[in-house]
């Protein structure tokens, strides 16, 4: 988050707060130029967020003059909001405008049933950090070399509603391609169950080579459940597969017969390998009650979802479910959406209501539901080389 808010005192007269409109674009661009020397939002970005269903831009005015704004971003289906940017005109600082804008952002988040509001603030911006602490925000991490000038960011958050104590989040890893969500989710599962596991691109692509379907509708193939499960077994995890349909998977959108043949053959091979290691396979969808029980027993889950409910993309996607707070599952989504100016703050440790996660956890016209329940085992199974 870019923060140019005022930490000092409350305004003598509170500003008028209202939603931004397209006719405010000129004033917003002028305010942005006055408030920030780098990392400025463009006119195009402001327009997109004003028109965007996953954003809320609140303005603060006194006497009809724009003095500040707060921009908050959402992920549909989750209970998390992110305060992406807040700014106050230089001549209005010291009047508490920033505090009013933060409270307005919190109100907007509550309107969307969010339970957490997160933000990033420069590590060298002590006054802004003091404001957020005074308003109830607490630091929970640090992002190195985050800003354009290489400054670090401090990650802060505030619970907007009571949230039960949850599991400690495992390390987060963002996929580096559009086809390696499965490997990224499995890497985070390994890091959760066996701390110290590498989180790097070499591991990401090694896992992809072991689990890929080779092709998809376009470009490189993603990963299917049994390929991922076998990769987990090779790394010493106990795996239980839940899937409501027999393979092959992800063929509906592939028209080329040669590609389809390769996908069918590859997945048949995965199935034979799974049978050879006596992998437990449940030929039914994993229920949310079963998922919660597995989490309570110390397991984590790599879960297939459709990204449509979160980001409007009808694509199969793997995420990690690592805990819950009672009413909501806690999820690491390896995809960071660049079009929404997301950072890992927006995709990690997502609180998702159980009912919403259940709706997400199916893909395709004949809804495919697949999940891997992963647990630690004491003995390491040998890794098989990939040829």
Foldseek 3Di string as FASTA:
>chain_A
DEEQAAQADAAPDFFDKDWDDLVCLVVQQVQQVQFDPDPGDDSVRVVCQSVDPQKTKMFTDDPNHTFKIWIKGHFFQFQEIEGEYIGGHPVCHPRRNRVVRVVVNLVVSVVNVHFKYKYKYFPPPVSVVNRVVVVPKDFDDKAALPDPVRTIITMIMHGSDDFFDKDDQFDAAADPDPAQQLQRQLQSQCCLFPPPGDRDVVSSVQLQLQFFLQDALDDGGHGDDLSSVVQQQQFAKQKAKEKQDDDDPRCPNHDDVVSVVSSRVVVVVSVVVCVVVVRHYHNHFQALVNQQVLLVVVKKKWAWFQSCSGPNHQDIGTWIFRMARVQWTFIARSHADVVSVGDSVNRHRTTGGRVSVVNGRFHDPVTMHMMMIIHGDPDRRHHDDRD
